[in-house]
Amino acid sequence: MAAHAVFRASAFAKMDAPWFLAVPDAEGGWGEGRMDSDIAFWHRWKAAGNTLHIALRVPIGHVEMVTSWPDRRMQRQYQPISEWNATGKPEWAWS
């Protein structure tokens, strides 16, 4: 079963751009207390006066930006952007 989301174009016209912009934590970093870009989008959506309704048979996924790295076996591995912002390149990544 394919999932579909339906949005009115006029709802996006009411929103300030950029729509997907992460918000750092109180200290200006990307640790606990930050707001990832997808969550910030929904806050901007609501601030623009838009509403959201759920259809029980239409699942809506969660988008997460990741970096991809080859590991030492040259297999692709993913690292969440929030982790990359906090710690940089992972030790397990191939150099």
C-alpha atoms as a PDB file:
ATOM      1  CA  MET A   1       0.000   0.000   0.000  1.00  0.00           C
ATOM      2  CA  ALA A   2       1.466   3.352  -1.011  1.00  0.00           C
ATOM      3  CA  ALA A   3       1.345   6.222   1.458  1.00  0.00           C
ATOM      4  CA  HIS A   4       0.499   9.719   0.307  1.00  0.00           C
ATOM      5  CA  ALA A   5       0.519  13.078   2.006  1.00  0.00           C
ATOM      6  CA  VAL A   6      -1.605  15.929   0.733  1.00  0.00           C
ATOM      7  CA  PHE A   7      -0.706  19.555   1.373  1.00  0.00           C
ATOM      8  CA  ARG A   8      -2.302  22.729   0.064  1.00  0.00           C
ATOM      9  CA  ALA A   9       0.203  24.905  -1.801  1.00  0.00           C
ATOM     10  CA  SER A  10      -1.367  27.968  -0.180  1.00  0.00           C
ATOM     11  CA  ALA A  11      -0.280  26.669   3.244  1.00  0.00           C
ATOM     12  CA  PHE A  12       3.374  26.874   2.202  1.00  0.00           C
ATOM     13  CA  ALA A  13       2.868  30.389   0.844  1.00  0.00           C
ATOM     14  CA  LYS A  14       1.908  31.513   4.376  1.00  0.00           C
ATOM     15  CA  MET A  15       5.156  30.210   5.866  1.00  0.00           C
ATOM     16  CA  ASP A  16       8.429  32.096   6.227  1.00  0.00           C
ATOM     17  CA  ALA A  17      11.347  30.568   4.367  1.00  0.00           C
ATOM     18  CA  PRO A  18      13.458  28.599   4.809  1.00  0.00           C
ATOM     19  CA  TRP A  19      10.973  25.935   5.807  1.00  0.00           C
ATOM     20  CA  PHE A  20      13.554  23.416   7.015  1.00  0.00           C
ATOM     21  CA  LEU A  21      16.038  25.196   9.253  1.00  0.00           C
ATOM     22  CA  ALA A  22      17.438  23.591  12.397  1.00  0.00           C
ATOM     23  CA  VAL A  23      17.597  25.669  15.597  1.00  0.00           C
ATOM     24  CA  PRO A  24      20.642  25.295  17.872  1.00  0.00           C
ATOM     25  CA  ASP A  25      20.401  24.750  21.622  1.00  0.00           C
ATOM     26  CA  ALA A  26      20.561  27.667  24.104  1.00  0.00           C
ATOM     27  CA  GLU A  27      24.380  27.653  23.971  1.00  0.00           C
ATOM     28  CA  GLY A  28      24.420  27.783  20.166  1.00  0.00           C
ATOM     29  CA  GLY A  29      25.434  24.127  19.829  1.00  0.00           C
ATOM     30  CA  TRP A  30      23.752  21.020  18.491  1.00  0.00           C
ATOM     31  CA  GLY A  31      23.352  19.015  21.687  1.00  0.00           C
ATOM     32  CA  GLU A  32      20.352  18.446  23.912  1.00  0.00           C
ATOM     33  CA  GLY A  33      17.765  21.182  23.458  1.00  0.00           C
ATOM     34  CA  ARG A  34      18.362  21.754  19.747  1.00  0.00           C
ATOM     35  CA  MET A  35      15.475  21.574  17.290  1.00  0.00           C
ATOM     36  CA  ASP A  36      16.136  19.467  14.191  1.00  0.00           C
ATOM     37  CA  SER A  37      14.986  20.886  10.861  1.00  0.00           C
ATOM     38  CA  ASP A  38      12.000  18.549  10.466  1.00  0.00           C
ATOM     39  CA  ILE A  39      10.602  19.395  13.893  1.00  0.00           C
ATOM     40  CA  ALA A  40      11.284  23.102  13.336  1.00  0.00           C
ATOM     41  CA  PHE A  41       9.268  22.807  10.110  1.00  0.00           C
ATOM     42  CA  TRP A  42       6.169  21.716  12.031  1.00  0.00           C
ATOM     43  CA  HIS A  43       6.589  24.587  14.510  1.00  0.00           C
ATOM     44  CA  ARG A  44       6.795  27.024  11.563  1.00  0.00           C
ATOM     45  CA  TRP A  45       3.775  25.307  10.016  1.00  0.00           C
ATOM     46  CA  LYS A  46       1.701  25.967  13.152  1.00  0.00           C
ATOM     47  CA  ALA A  47       3.049  29.525  13.594  1.00  0.00           C
ATOM     48  CA  ALA A  48       1.805  30.333  10.075  1.00  0.00           C
ATOM     49  CA  GLY A  49      -1.701  29.343  11.161  1.00  0.00           C
ATOM     50  CA  ASN A  50      -1.704  26.065   9.262  1.00  0.00           C
ATOM     51  CA  THR A  51      -3.363  22.987  10.662  1.00  0.00           C
ATOM     52  CA  LEU A  52      -2.649  19.311  10.288  1.00  0.00           C
ATOM     53  CA  HIS A  53      -5.162  16.503  10.183  1.00  0.00           C
ATOM     54  CA  ILE A  54      -4.435  12.820  10.374  1.00  0.00           C
ATOM     55  CA  ALA A  55      -5.977  10.138   8.210  1.00  0.00           C
ATOM     56  CA  LEU A  56      -5.513   6.867  10.063  1.00  0.00           C
ATOM     57  CA  ARG A  57      -4.675   4.886   6.936  1.00  0.00           C
ATOM     58  CA  VAL A  58      -2.104   7.358   5.593  1.00  0.00           C
ATOM     59  CA  PRO A  59       1.173   6.947   7.504  1.00  0.00           C
ATOM     60  CA  ILE A  60       3.531   9.919   7.491  1.00  0.00           C
ATOM     61  CA  GLY A  61       7.214   9.094   7.768  1.00  0.00           C
ATOM     62  CA  HIS A  62       9.972  10.825   9.667  1.00  0.00           C
ATOM     63  CA  VAL A  63      12.751  12.413   7.649  1.00  0.00           C
ATOM     64  CA  GLU A  64      16.201  12.465   9.176  1.00  0.00           C
ATOM     65  CA  MET A  65      19.289  13.850   7.479  1.00  0.00           C
ATOM     66  CA  VAL A  66      22.271  11.546   7.770  1.00  0.00           C
ATOM     67  CA  THR A  67      25.830  11.354   6.582  1.00  0.00           C
ATOM     68  CA  SER A  68      26.964   8.142   4.953  1.00  0.00           C
ATOM     69  CA  TRP A  69      30.418   6.725   5.512  1.00  0.00           C
ATOM     70  CA  PRO A  70      32.209   3.613   4.304  1.00  0.00           C
ATOM     71  CA  ASP A  71      33.253   1.447   7.216  1.00  0.00           C
ATOM     72  CA  ARG A  72      36.494  -0.552   7.249  1.00  0.00           C
ATOM     73  CA  ARG A  73      34.806  -3.304   5.170  1.00  0.00           C
ATOM     74  CA  MET A  74      33.709  -0.627   2.643  1.00  0.00           C
ATOM     75  CA  GLN A  75      30.065  -1.105   3.628  1.00  0.00           C
ATOM     76  CA  ARG A  76      27.902   2.023   3.771  1.00  0.00           C
ATOM     77  CA  GLN A  77      26.980   3.102   7.294  1.00  0.00           C
ATOM     78  CA  TYR A  78      24.837   6.046   8.338  1.00  0.00           C
ATOM     79  CA  GLN A  79      25.420   8.649  11.029  1.00  0.00           C
ATOM     80  CA  PRO A  80      22.666  11.078  12.126  1.00  0.00           C
ATOM     81  CA  ILE A  81      23.528  14.703  11.346  1.00  0.00           C
ATOM     82  CA  SER A  82      22.967  15.612  15.005  1.00  0.00           C
ATOM     83  CA  GLU A  83      25.674  13.111  15.991  1.00  0.00           C
ATOM     84  CA  TRP A  84      28.027  14.421  13.292  1.00  0.00           C
ATOM     85  CA  ASN A  85      27.462  17.991  14.536  1.00  0.00           C
ATOM     86  CA  ALA A  86      28.250  16.900  18.098  1.00  0.00           C
ATOM     87  CA  THR A  87      31.236  14.583  17.526  1.00  0.00           C
ATOM     88  CA  GLY A  88      32.361  14.780  13.900  1.00  0.00           C
ATOM     89  CA  LYS A  89      33.525  11.844  11.838  1.00  0.00           C
ATOM     90  CA  PRO A  90      32.989   8.523  13.659  1.00  0.00           C
ATOM     91  CA  GLU A  91      35.988   6.410  14.653  1.00  0.00           C
ATOM     92  CA  TRP A  92      34.622   3.399  12.753  1.00  0.00           C
ATOM     93  CA  ALA A  93      34.640   5.258   9.414  1.00  0.00           C
ATOM     94  CA  TRP A  94      37.249   4.245   6.889  1.00  0.00           C
ATOM     95  CA  SER A  95      40.064   6.766   6.387  1.00  0.00           C
END
